[in-house]
Amino acid sequence: MGVQRKGHIISHHSIQDLPRLLPKDSLLIMNNSRVRRARIYGTTEQGGQVEFLLIEQRGQAQWKAMVSKAKKQKPGRTYSFPGEVGARILDIENEFRILEFSPPIDDAYLDRYGHMPLPPYIRRQDTPEDSGRYQTVYASHTGSVAAPTAGLHLTEEILGTLKEKGIEQAHVTLHVGIGTFLPIRTEEVEAHTMHTEHYTVPERTAELVNSAKKQGRPVCAVGTTSVRTLESAWKNGALQSGDGHTDLYIYPGYQFQVVDQMLTNFHTPESSLLVMVSAFAGKDLIETAYRTAIEERYRFFSYGDAMLIQ
């Protein structure tokens, strides 16, 4: 779906039309974070199965995780995992558990024994096909528990066509955390708080963005995670390269500093992602676009269709 903010024009396209829809002088920014096979299953001493979603590694042996049957999973409980690995709960942090594994596990272990962390609204077990489908073609830095799904639409062929047209491409890295799954539960939209996520802006990306902004060329962010990274790293009138952490929450009234165009999926109700696109395009226009998408039988959410907001 094409969504023109000026004139409130909605149009319908295939993703293969993207090279034609983007201005020739655009700069395309993509999030190259790779999804970790972060869902693993442990067995209790009593023989029950418990599901863990590993959110973040802390040191060599410790991981922050979300856990099923959470009320029963208390400090001191132990579990066995495939490959003769054991773990115990050290502590509780809000809705998370801190696990210590023995021996320590890493991404190589998870690649062998872990499962793709499909969103909870996909009510099935992951399959071998998901290992490719739930990963962008340019994913290169492992650390996300959810895919930056707008990038799933971009194939090597489309990226090649964009390059041939002269559209510059660059990457940022933002490791998508559990905040992607969490709905807004506060009475007022503004009172919601985001979980902190780690990001990296390469020096080349900062140089390209700063050059584009000085020249008045449009910056198109692929996905809300790219938007949050770019807006978080914009300081003192320029995009800053390097590592950082962000809990930036973008809601209506926010003044965008970097992003001029956005390729994004259709998001779940009551999500911070839907609030962000409403801040970018205007609440009324987004509501119209979503009603149109329902009427036209667009597919929603992670494996669904996309909209280009310009």
Protein backbone atom coordinates (compact mmCIF):
# COMPACT_ATOMS: atom_id res chain seq x y z
CA MET A 1 0.00 0.00 0.00
CA GLY A 2 1.21 3.47 -0.84
CA VAL A 3 0.25 6.18 1.66
CA GLN A 4 0.88 9.77 0.61
CA ARG A 5 0.75 12.13 3.57
CA LYS A 6 0.34 15.13 1.29
CA GLY A 7 -3.14 14.87 -0.15
CA HIS A 8 -4.01 11.77 1.90
CA ILE A 9 -3.71 9.53 -1.17
CA ILE A 10 -3.84 5.74 -0.82
CA SER A 11 -2.74 3.46 -3.66
CA HIS A 12 -2.08 -0.24 -4.15
CA HIS A 13 1.10 -1.85 -5.43
CA SER A 14 3.38 -4.87 -5.35
CA ILE A 15 6.67 -4.70 -3.45
CA GLN A 16 8.37 -5.02 -6.86
CA ASP A 17 7.13 -1.46 -7.49
CA LEU A 18 9.32 -0.07 -4.70
CA PRO A 19 12.18 1.03 -7.01
CA ARG A 20 9.65 3.03 -9.01
CA LEU A 21 7.92 4.50 -5.96
CA LEU A 22 11.04 5.76 -4.22
CA PRO A 23 12.60 9.01 -5.51
CA LYS A 24 15.88 8.39 -7.33
CA ASP A 25 17.86 10.41 -4.80
CA SER A 26 16.51 8.46 -1.78
CA LEU A 27 18.74 6.92 0.87
CA LEU A 28 17.40 3.56 2.12
CA ILE A 29 18.30 2.55 5.70
CA MET A 30 17.77 -1.07 6.84
CA ASN A 31 18.18 -2.86 10.17
CA ASN A 32 20.58 -5.78 9.70
CA SER A 33 19.97 -7.42 13.08
CA ARG A 34 19.66 -11.20 12.85
CA VAL A 35 17.04 -13.12 14.83
CA ARG A 36 18.49 -15.42 17.46
CA ARG A 37 16.98 -18.91 17.85
CA ALA A 38 16.05 -17.71 21.30
CA ARG A 39 13.20 -20.05 22.31
CA ILE A 40 14.37 -23.14 24.18
CA TYR A 41 12.64 -25.79 26.28
CA GLY A 42 13.85 -27.01 29.63
CA THR A 43 12.73 -29.94 31.77
CA THR A 44 12.12 -29.57 35.51
CA GLU A 45 13.25 -32.09 38.12
CA GLN A 46 9.65 -33.34 38.17
CA GLY A 47 9.66 -33.91 34.41
CA GLY A 48 7.56 -30.94 33.34
CA GLN A 49 8.44 -28.84 30.29
CA VAL A 50 9.06 -25.10 30.61
CA GLU A 51 9.52 -22.68 27.71
CA PHE A 52 12.16 -19.95 27.90
CA LEU A 53 12.63 -16.96 25.61
CA LEU A 54 16.19 -15.72 25.97
CA ILE A 55 16.16 -11.95 25.76
CA GLU A 56 19.72 -10.91 26.52
CA GLN A 57 23.04 -12.50 27.43
CA ARG A 58 24.71 -11.22 30.57
CA GLY A 59 28.29 -12.32 30.91
CA GLN A 60 29.38 -15.74 29.81
CA ALA A 61 26.82 -17.96 31.53
CA GLN A 62 23.85 -15.77 32.46
CA TRP A 63 20.80 -14.85 30.35
CA LYS A 64 17.74 -12.69 30.97
CA ALA A 65 14.66 -14.63 29.89
CA MET A 66 10.89 -14.72 29.80
CA VAL A 67 9.41 -17.99 30.99
CA SER A 68 6.14 -19.91 30.76
CA LYS A 69 4.19 -20.82 33.92
CA ALA A 70 6.02 -17.86 35.44
CA LYS A 71 4.60 -18.02 38.99
CA LYS A 72 6.15 -21.45 39.50
CA GLN A 73 9.60 -20.47 38.22
CA LYS A 74 11.33 -19.14 41.32
CA PRO A 75 14.98 -18.56 42.27
CA GLY A 76 16.76 -21.83 42.94
CA ARG A 77 14.72 -23.95 40.52
CA THR A 78 16.83 -26.03 38.17
CA TYR A 79 16.26 -27.33 34.65
CA SER A 80 17.90 -29.63 32.16
CA PHE A 81 18.26 -28.73 28.49
CA PRO A 82 19.30 -30.64 25.37
CA GLY A 83 23.00 -31.32 24.93
CA GLU A 84 23.58 -32.11 28.63
CA VAL A 85 23.15 -28.51 29.70
CA GLY A 86 21.69 -27.46 33.04
CA ALA A 87 20.44 -24.13 34.34
CA ARG A 88 19.04 -22.55 37.49
CA ILE A 89 17.15 -19.37 38.20
CA LEU A 90 19.29 -16.86 40.07
CA ASP A 91 16.92 -13.93 40.36
CA ILE A 92 13.69 -12.27 39.24
CA GLU A 93 13.66 -8.88 37.48
CA ASN A 94 10.13 -7.61 36.92
CA GLU A 95 8.60 -10.13 34.47
CA PHE A 96 11.99 -11.67 33.63
CA ARG A 97 14.10 -14.45 35.12
CA ILE A 98 17.90 -14.45 35.32
CA LEU A 99 19.20 -17.89 34.33
CA GLU A 100 22.67 -19.29 34.82
CA PHE A 101 23.65 -22.12 32.44
CA SER A 102 26.22 -24.84 33.08
CA PRO A 103 28.10 -25.22 30.87
CA PRO A 104 27.54 -21.76 29.35
CA ILE A 105 25.57 -21.62 26.10
CA ASP A 106 26.10 -19.39 23.06
CA ASP A 107 24.57 -18.75 19.65
CA ALA A 108 26.17 -21.90 18.26
CA TYR A 109 24.28 -23.90 20.91
CA LEU A 110 21.04 -22.05 20.13
CA ASP A 111 21.48 -22.62 16.39
CA ARG A 112 21.47 -26.34 17.15
CA TYR A 113 18.87 -26.63 19.91
CA GLY A 114 16.89 -23.38 19.87
CA HIS A 115 13.71 -22.45 18.03
CA MET A 116 12.80 -19.34 16.06
CA PRO A 117 10.87 -16.96 18.36
CA LEU A 118 7.80 -16.45 16.20
CA PRO A 119 5.38 -13.83 17.56
CA PRO A 120 2.78 -15.18 20.01
CA TYR A 121 -0.10 -14.53 17.61
CA ILE A 122 1.38 -17.13 15.24
CA ARG A 123 -0.15 -20.06 17.05
CA ARG A 124 2.05 -22.90 15.85
CA GLN A 125 5.50 -24.30 16.40
CA ASP A 126 8.28 -22.98 14.21
CA THR A 127 9.26 -25.05 11.20
CA PRO A 128 12.57 -25.37 9.31
CA GLU A 129 11.15 -22.93 6.71
CA ASP A 130 10.86 -20.22 9.38
CA SER A 131 14.64 -20.19 9.77
CA GLY A 132 14.80 -18.51 6.36
CA ARG A 133 11.43 -16.79 6.21
CA TYR A 134 11.79 -15.01 9.55
CA GLN A 135 15.16 -13.50 8.63
CA THR A 136 15.95 -10.61 6.28
CA VAL A 137 18.29 -11.36 3.37
CA TYR A 138 20.78 -8.84 4.79
CA ALA A 139 20.67 -10.01 8.44
CA SER A 140 24.24 -10.20 9.73
CA HIS A 141 24.44 -9.33 13.45
CA THR A 142 22.71 -11.83 15.78
CA GLY A 143 20.78 -10.52 18.76
CA SER A 144 17.05 -9.98 18.07
CA VAL A 145 14.12 -11.92 19.53
CA ALA A 146 11.86 -10.65 16.73
CA ALA A 147 12.53 -9.93 13.08
CA PRO A 148 12.56 -6.36 11.75
CA THR A 149 9.69 -7.54 9.59
CA ALA A 150 9.43 -4.71 7.05
CA GLY A 151 12.74 -5.96 5.68
CA LEU A 152 11.30 -9.42 5.01
CA HIS A 153 9.76 -8.00 1.83
CA LEU A 154 13.13 -7.03 0.34
CA THR A 155 14.76 -9.65 -1.86
CA GLU A 156 18.23 -9.60 -3.36
CA GLU A 157 16.58 -8.86 -6.71
CA ILE A 158 14.70 -5.81 -5.39
CA LEU A 159 17.80 -4.50 -3.61
CA GLY A 160 19.75 -4.94 -6.84
CA THR A 161 17.14 -3.02 -8.82
CA LEU A 162 17.21 -0.22 -6.24
CA LYS A 163 21.00 -0.07 -6.57
CA GLU A 164 20.79 0.04 -10.35
CA LYS A 165 18.41 2.97 -10.07
CA GLY A 166 21.02 4.77 -7.98
CA ILE A 167 19.26 4.57 -4.63
CA GLU A 168 21.91 4.40 -1.92
CA GLN A 169 21.56 1.75 0.78
CA ALA A 170 23.03 1.54 4.26
CA HIS A 171 22.45 -0.35 7.49
CA VAL A 172 21.97 0.19 11.18
CA THR A 173 21.69 -2.51 13.82
CA LEU A 174 19.02 -2.54 16.50
CA HIS A 175 18.51 -5.79 18.37
CA VAL A 176 14.75 -6.10 18.72
CA GLY A 177 13.69 -6.89 22.27
CA ILE A 178 10.53 -8.09 23.96
CA GLY A 179 9.01 -4.60 23.84
CA THR A 180 7.92 -5.40 20.28
CA PHE A 181 5.41 -7.89 21.70
CA LEU A 182 4.09 -5.81 24.58
CA PRO A 183 0.84 -3.86 24.11
CA ILE A 184 0.26 -0.41 25.54
CA ARG A 185 -1.55 -0.99 28.84
CA THR A 186 -1.59 2.55 30.23
CA GLU A 187 -4.75 4.67 30.21
CA GLU A 188 -2.91 7.47 28.41
CA VAL A 189 -0.81 6.65 25.35
CA GLU A 190 1.92 9.03 26.50
CA ALA A 191 2.42 7.15 29.80
CA HIS A 192 3.69 3.96 28.13
CA THR A 193 7.39 3.16 28.61
CA MET A 194 9.61 1.23 26.21
CA HIS A 195 12.15 -1.47 27.04
CA THR A 196 15.73 -0.46 26.32
CA GLU A 197 17.33 -1.88 23.16
CA HIS A 198 20.92 -1.79 21.93
CA TYR A 199 21.76 -0.20 18.60
CA THR A 200 24.79 0.50 16.41
CA VAL A 201 25.19 3.13 13.70
CA PRO A 202 28.19 2.44 11.42
CA GLU A 203 30.35 5.41 10.47
CA ARG A 204 29.46 5.00 6.78
CA THR A 205 25.75 5.12 7.57
CA ALA A 206 26.16 8.31 9.60
CA GLU A 207 28.11 9.91 6.77
CA LEU A 208 25.49 8.97 4.16
CA VAL A 209 22.57 10.18 6.29
CA ASN A 210 24.25 13.46 7.18
CA SER A 211 25.09 14.05 3.52
CA ALA A 212 21.50 13.30 2.47
CA LYS A 213 20.05 15.65 5.09
CA LYS A 214 22.37 18.47 4.03
CA GLN A 215 21.41 17.95 0.37
CA GLY A 216 17.69 17.74 1.11
CA ARG A 217 17.45 14.16 -0.13
CA PRO A 218 14.81 11.89 1.41
CA VAL A 219 15.80 9.25 3.96
CA CYS A 220 13.59 6.14 3.83
CA ALA A 221 13.70 3.88 6.88
CA VAL A 222 12.82 0.21 6.41
CA GLY A 223 10.84 -0.69 9.51
CA THR A 224 10.10 0.95 12.83
CA THR A 225 13.36 -0.33 14.33
CA SER A 226 15.37 1.59 11.74
CA VAL A 227 13.26 4.66 12.53
CA ARG A 228 13.94 4.40 16.27
CA THR A 229 17.66 3.91 15.67
CA LEU A 230 17.99 6.91 13.38
CA GLU A 231 15.93 9.20 15.57
CA SER A 232 17.76 8.06 18.73
CA ALA A 233 21.22 8.63 17.23
CA TRP A 234 20.42 12.13 15.91
CA LYS A 235 22.15 14.59 18.25
CA ASN A 236 23.36 18.16 17.84
CA GLY A 237 22.06 18.37 14.30
CA ALA A 238 23.72 15.23 12.94
CA LEU A 239 23.51 11.45 13.02
CA GLN A 240 26.13 10.12 15.43
CA SER A 241 27.95 6.87 14.67
CA GLY A 242 28.72 4.26 17.34
CA ASP A 243 26.86 2.13 19.89
CA GLY A 244 24.00 3.23 22.08
CA HIS A 245 20.90 2.19 23.97
CA THR A 246 17.46 3.57 23.33
CA ASP A 247 14.09 3.55 25.03
CA LEU A 248 12.73 6.18 22.64
CA TYR A 249 8.96 6.08 22.48
CA ILE A 250 7.53 7.90 19.47
CA TYR A 251 3.90 9.00 19.74
CA PRO A 252 1.83 11.76 18.10
CA GLY A 253 3.42 15.15 18.59
CA TYR A 254 6.95 13.84 18.05
CA GLN A 255 9.02 15.87 15.58
CA PHE A 256 10.94 13.56 13.25
CA GLN A 257 14.52 14.72 12.65
CA VAL A 258 15.85 12.13 10.19
CA VAL A 259 13.19 9.98 8.58
CA ASP A 260 11.23 11.30 5.60
CA GLN A 261 9.71 8.05 4.34
CA MET A 262 8.93 4.73 6.02
CA LEU A 263 8.34 1.19 4.76
CA THR A 264 6.49 -0.67 7.50
CA ASN A 265 4.14 -3.60 8.06
CA PHE A 266 0.57 -3.45 9.35
CA HIS A 267 0.84 -3.63 13.12
CA THR A 268 -1.15 -5.12 15.99
CA PRO A 269 -3.76 -3.00 17.78
CA GLU A 270 -2.64 -1.19 20.94
CA SER A 271 1.04 -1.52 19.98
CA SER A 272 3.73 1.15 20.23
CA LEU A 273 4.48 0.47 16.56
CA LEU A 274 0.98 1.52 15.51
CA VAL A 275 1.35 4.63 17.64
CA MET A 276 4.65 5.43 15.89
CA VAL A 277 3.21 5.24 12.38
CA SER A 278 0.30 7.38 13.57
CA ALA A 279 2.82 9.96 14.75
CA PHE A 280 4.50 9.83 11.33
CA ALA A 281 1.45 9.92 9.05
CA GLY A 282 -1.29 11.26 11.30
CA LYS A 283 -3.87 9.26 13.23
CA ASP A 284 -6.75 9.92 10.82
CA LEU A 285 -4.77 8.91 7.73
CA ILE A 286 -3.50 5.71 9.37
CA GLU A 287 -7.02 4.78 10.46
CA THR A 288 -8.20 5.30 6.88
CA ALA A 289 -5.29 3.23 5.56
CA TYR A 290 -6.03 0.37 7.96
CA ARG A 291 -9.75 0.37 7.13
CA THR A 292 -8.82 0.25 3.46
CA ALA A 293 -6.39 -2.60 4.12
CA ILE A 294 -9.16 -4.60 5.81
CA GLU A 295 -11.55 -3.94 2.94
CA GLU A 296 -8.91 -4.93 0.38
CA ARG A 297 -7.98 -8.05 2.37
CA TYR A 298 -4.38 -7.10 3.06
CA ARG A 299 -2.49 -9.44 5.36
CA PHE A 300 -1.47 -8.01 8.72
CA PHE A 301 1.42 -8.51 11.18
CA SER A 302 4.85 -10.14 10.82
CA TYR A 303 4.23 -12.29 7.73
CA GLY A 304 1.80 -9.79 6.24
CA ASP A 305 1.90 -6.96 3.72
CA ALA A 306 3.59 -3.58 3.92
CA MET A 307 2.85 0.11 3.45
CA LEU A 308 5.17 2.79 2.12
CA ILE A 309 4.44 6.10 3.84
CA GLN A 310 5.77 9.12 1.96
